[in-house]
Amino acid sequence: MGSKELSYSDAVKRLDEILEDIDQSRVPIDVLAERVVEAAALLKRCKSVLTETEAKVQDVLEGLEKDFGGEEAGED
């Protein structure tokens, strides 16, 4: 499964695994560069998901502001 297909949670979990392995010196030097490339791709995926989510939330909030922005809390 490519990093583009991973959910945010799965990407973070895999990134944590890679970082833990590197931190504990469990990554052989032969595959270190490969793991770093994978980690970079996972970081890009996480950033993309966060950016998309932020945009969606902002759109919803702007819509709510347009619909209800002038009303006091508790008014219908």
N, C-alpha and C. Protein backbone atom coordinates (compact mmCIF):
# COMPACT_ATOMS: atom_id res chain seq x y z
N MET A 1 0.84 -1.17 0.00
CA MET A 1 0.00 0.00 0.00
C MET A 1 0.89 1.23 0.00
N GLY A 2 0.67 2.15 -0.92
CA GLY A 2 1.46 3.36 -0.99
C GLY A 2 1.04 4.35 0.08
N SER A 3 1.91 5.32 0.35
CA SER A 3 1.60 6.28 1.40
C SER A 3 0.39 7.13 1.05
N LYS A 4 0.08 7.29 -0.25
CA LYS A 4 -1.09 8.06 -0.67
C LYS A 4 -2.39 7.37 -0.28
N GLU A 5 -2.36 6.06 -0.06
CA GLU A 5 -3.56 5.30 0.26
C GLU A 5 -3.76 5.14 1.77
N LEU A 6 -2.77 5.48 2.56
CA LEU A 6 -2.86 5.29 4.00
C LEU A 6 -3.73 6.37 4.64
N SER A 7 -4.46 5.96 5.66
CA SER A 7 -5.18 6.95 6.46
C SER A 7 -4.14 7.74 7.26
N TYR A 8 -4.57 8.85 7.80
CA TYR A 8 -3.68 9.66 8.62
C TYR A 8 -3.15 8.84 9.80
N SER A 9 -4.06 8.14 10.47
CA SER A 9 -3.66 7.34 11.64
C SER A 9 -2.66 6.26 11.29
N ASP A 10 -2.88 5.58 10.16
CA ASP A 10 -1.95 4.53 9.73
C ASP A 10 -0.60 5.11 9.35
N ALA A 11 -0.62 6.27 8.71
CA ALA A 11 0.64 6.92 8.32
C ALA A 11 1.44 7.32 9.56
N VAL A 12 0.76 7.89 10.55
CA VAL A 12 1.44 8.28 11.79
C VAL A 12 1.98 7.05 12.51
N LYS A 13 1.20 6.00 12.54
CA LYS A 13 1.65 4.76 13.20
C LYS A 13 2.91 4.22 12.53
N ARG A 14 2.90 4.17 11.20
CA ARG A 14 4.08 3.66 10.48
C ARG A 14 5.27 4.58 10.68
N LEU A 15 5.04 5.87 10.67
CA LEU A 15 6.11 6.83 10.90
C LEU A 15 6.71 6.64 12.29
N ASP A 16 5.86 6.44 13.28
CA ASP A 16 6.35 6.16 14.64
C ASP A 16 7.21 4.90 14.67
N GLU A 17 6.77 3.86 13.95
CA GLU A 17 7.54 2.61 13.89
C GLU A 17 8.92 2.84 13.29
N ILE A 18 8.96 3.57 12.19
CA ILE A 18 10.23 3.85 11.53
C ILE A 18 11.15 4.63 12.45
N LEU A 19 10.62 5.68 13.07
CA LEU A 19 11.44 6.51 13.94
C LEU A 19 11.94 5.74 15.16
N GLU A 20 11.09 4.90 15.71
CA GLU A 20 11.50 4.06 16.85
C GLU A 20 12.61 3.10 16.43
N ASP A 21 12.46 2.49 15.27
CA ASP A 21 13.49 1.56 14.78
C ASP A 21 14.82 2.28 14.56
N ILE A 22 14.76 3.47 13.98
CA ILE A 22 15.99 4.24 13.75
C ILE A 22 16.59 4.65 15.09
N ASP A 23 15.75 5.14 16.00
CA ASP A 23 16.22 5.58 17.31
C ASP A 23 16.88 4.45 18.09
N GLN A 24 16.36 3.25 17.95
CA GLN A 24 16.89 2.09 18.67
C GLN A 24 17.98 1.36 17.88
N SER A 25 18.41 1.95 16.79
CA SER A 25 19.47 1.37 15.93
C SER A 25 19.09 -0.01 15.42
N ARG A 26 17.81 -0.20 15.10
CA ARG A 26 17.35 -1.48 14.58
C ARG A 26 17.25 -1.48 13.06
N VAL A 27 17.66 -0.40 12.43
CA VAL A 27 17.60 -0.32 10.97
C VAL A 27 19.01 -0.53 10.42
N PRO A 28 19.19 -1.60 9.68
CA PRO A 28 20.51 -1.83 9.08
C PRO A 28 20.86 -0.69 8.13
N ILE A 29 22.11 -0.37 8.07
CA ILE A 29 22.57 0.73 7.22
C ILE A 29 22.17 0.51 5.77
N ASP A 30 22.03 -0.76 5.38
CA ASP A 30 21.65 -1.08 4.00
C ASP A 30 20.27 -0.57 3.63
N VAL A 31 19.39 -0.42 4.61
CA VAL A 31 18.02 0.02 4.32
C VAL A 31 17.68 1.36 4.97
N LEU A 32 18.66 2.00 5.59
CA LEU A 32 18.41 3.26 6.27
C LEU A 32 17.87 4.32 5.30
N ALA A 33 18.51 4.48 4.16
CA ALA A 33 18.06 5.49 3.20
C ALA A 33 16.64 5.20 2.73
N GLU A 34 16.33 3.93 2.53
CA GLU A 34 14.98 3.53 2.12
C GLU A 34 13.95 3.93 3.18
N ARG A 35 14.28 3.72 4.45
CA ARG A 35 13.37 4.07 5.54
C ARG A 35 13.19 5.59 5.65
N VAL A 36 14.27 6.32 5.42
CA VAL A 36 14.18 7.78 5.47
C VAL A 36 13.30 8.29 4.34
N VAL A 37 13.42 7.71 3.16
CA VAL A 37 12.56 8.09 2.03
C VAL A 37 11.11 7.76 2.36
N GLU A 38 10.87 6.59 2.93
CA GLU A 38 9.51 6.21 3.32
C GLU A 38 8.95 7.18 4.36
N ALA A 39 9.77 7.54 5.34
CA ALA A 39 9.33 8.48 6.37
C ALA A 39 8.98 9.83 5.76
N ALA A 40 9.77 10.29 4.81
CA ALA A 40 9.49 11.57 4.15
C ALA A 40 8.16 11.51 3.41
N ALA A 41 7.90 10.40 2.73
CA ALA A 41 6.62 10.24 2.02
C ALA A 41 5.45 10.22 3.00
N LEU A 42 5.64 9.58 4.13
CA LEU A 42 4.59 9.54 5.15
C LEU A 42 4.32 10.93 5.73
N LEU A 43 5.38 11.69 5.95
CA LEU A 43 5.21 13.06 6.43
C LEU A 43 4.44 13.91 5.43
N LYS A 44 4.75 13.74 4.15
CA LYS A 44 4.02 14.48 3.11
C LYS A 44 2.55 14.08 3.10
N ARG A 45 2.28 12.79 3.28
CA ARG A 45 0.89 12.31 3.33
C ARG A 45 0.16 12.93 4.51
N CYS A 46 0.78 12.93 5.67
CA CYS A 46 0.16 13.51 6.86
C CYS A 46 -0.11 15.00 6.66
N LYS A 47 0.84 15.71 6.10
CA LYS A 47 0.66 17.14 5.84
C LYS A 47 -0.50 17.37 4.88
N SER A 48 -0.58 16.54 3.85
CA SER A 48 -1.65 16.66 2.87
C SER A 48 -3.02 16.44 3.51
N VAL A 49 -3.12 15.40 4.33
CA VAL A 49 -4.40 15.12 5.01
C VAL A 49 -4.76 16.27 5.94
N LEU A 50 -3.80 16.79 6.69
CA LEU A 50 -4.07 17.90 7.59
C LEU A 50 -4.50 19.15 6.84
N THR A 51 -3.85 19.42 5.72
CA THR A 51 -4.21 20.59 4.91
C THR A 51 -5.61 20.45 4.35
N GLU A 52 -5.94 19.27 3.82
CA GLU A 52 -7.29 19.03 3.29
C GLU A 52 -8.34 19.14 4.39
N THR A 53 -8.04 18.59 5.55
CA THR A 53 -8.98 18.64 6.66
C THR A 53 -9.19 20.07 7.13
N GLU A 54 -8.11 20.82 7.23
CA GLU A 54 -8.21 22.22 7.63
C GLU A 54 -9.09 23.00 6.67
N ALA A 55 -8.91 22.78 5.37
CA ALA A 55 -9.71 23.48 4.36
C ALA A 55 -11.19 23.11 4.48
N LYS A 56 -11.48 21.84 4.69
CA LYS A 56 -12.88 21.40 4.84
C LYS A 56 -13.52 22.02 6.07
N VAL A 57 -12.80 21.99 7.18
CA VAL A 57 -13.32 22.56 8.42
C VAL A 57 -13.55 24.06 8.25
N GLN A 58 -12.61 24.74 7.62
CA GLN A 58 -12.74 26.17 7.39
C GLN A 58 -13.96 26.48 6.53
N ASP A 59 -14.19 25.68 5.49
CA ASP A 59 -15.37 25.86 4.64
C ASP A 59 -16.65 25.69 5.44
N VAL A 60 -16.70 24.68 6.28
CA VAL A 60 -17.89 24.45 7.11
C VAL A 60 -18.10 25.63 8.06
N LEU A 61 -17.04 26.07 8.71
CA LEU A 61 -17.15 27.18 9.65
C LEU A 61 -17.60 28.46 8.96
N GLU A 62 -17.07 28.71 7.76
CA GLU A 62 -17.49 29.89 7.00
C GLU A 62 -18.96 29.80 6.62
N GLY A 63 -19.40 28.60 6.25
CA GLY A 63 -20.81 28.41 5.93
C GLY A 63 -21.69 28.65 7.14
N LEU A 64 -21.27 28.15 8.28
CA LEU A 64 -22.03 28.38 9.51
C LEU A 64 -22.05 29.86 9.88
N GLU A 65 -20.93 30.51 9.69
CA GLU A 65 -20.85 31.94 9.99
C GLU A 65 -21.82 32.72 9.10
N LYS A 66 -21.91 32.36 7.83
CA LYS A 66 -22.85 33.02 6.92
C LYS A 66 -24.29 32.76 7.34
N ASP A 67 -24.57 31.51 7.73
CA ASP A 67 -25.93 31.14 8.10
C ASP A 67 -26.35 31.66 9.47
N PHE A 68 -25.42 31.65 10.43
CA PHE A 68 -25.79 31.95 11.81
C PHE A 68 -24.95 33.06 12.44
N GLY A 69 -24.06 33.65 11.71
CA GLY A 69 -23.11 34.60 12.28
C GLY A 69 -23.72 35.80 12.96
N GLY A 70 -24.85 36.28 12.47
CA GLY A 70 -25.45 37.48 13.04
C GLY A 70 -26.37 37.21 14.19
N GLU A 71 -26.61 35.96 14.52
CA GLU A 71 -27.56 35.61 15.57
C GLU A 71 -26.84 35.39 16.89
N GLU A 72 -27.49 35.79 17.96
CA GLU A 72 -26.97 35.53 19.30
C GLU A 72 -27.20 34.08 19.66
N ALA A 73 -26.39 33.54 20.53
CA ALA A 73 -26.58 32.16 20.98
C ALA A 73 -27.95 32.02 21.63
N GLY A 74 -28.67 30.96 21.30
CA GLY A 74 -29.97 30.70 21.86
C GLY A 74 -31.12 31.26 21.05
N GLU A 75 -30.85 32.12 20.08
CA GLU A 75 -31.90 32.65 19.22
C GLU A 75 -32.16 31.69 18.08
N ASP A 76 -33.40 31.66 17.59
CA ASP A 76 -33.75 30.82 16.44
C ASP A 76 -34.01 31.64 15.22
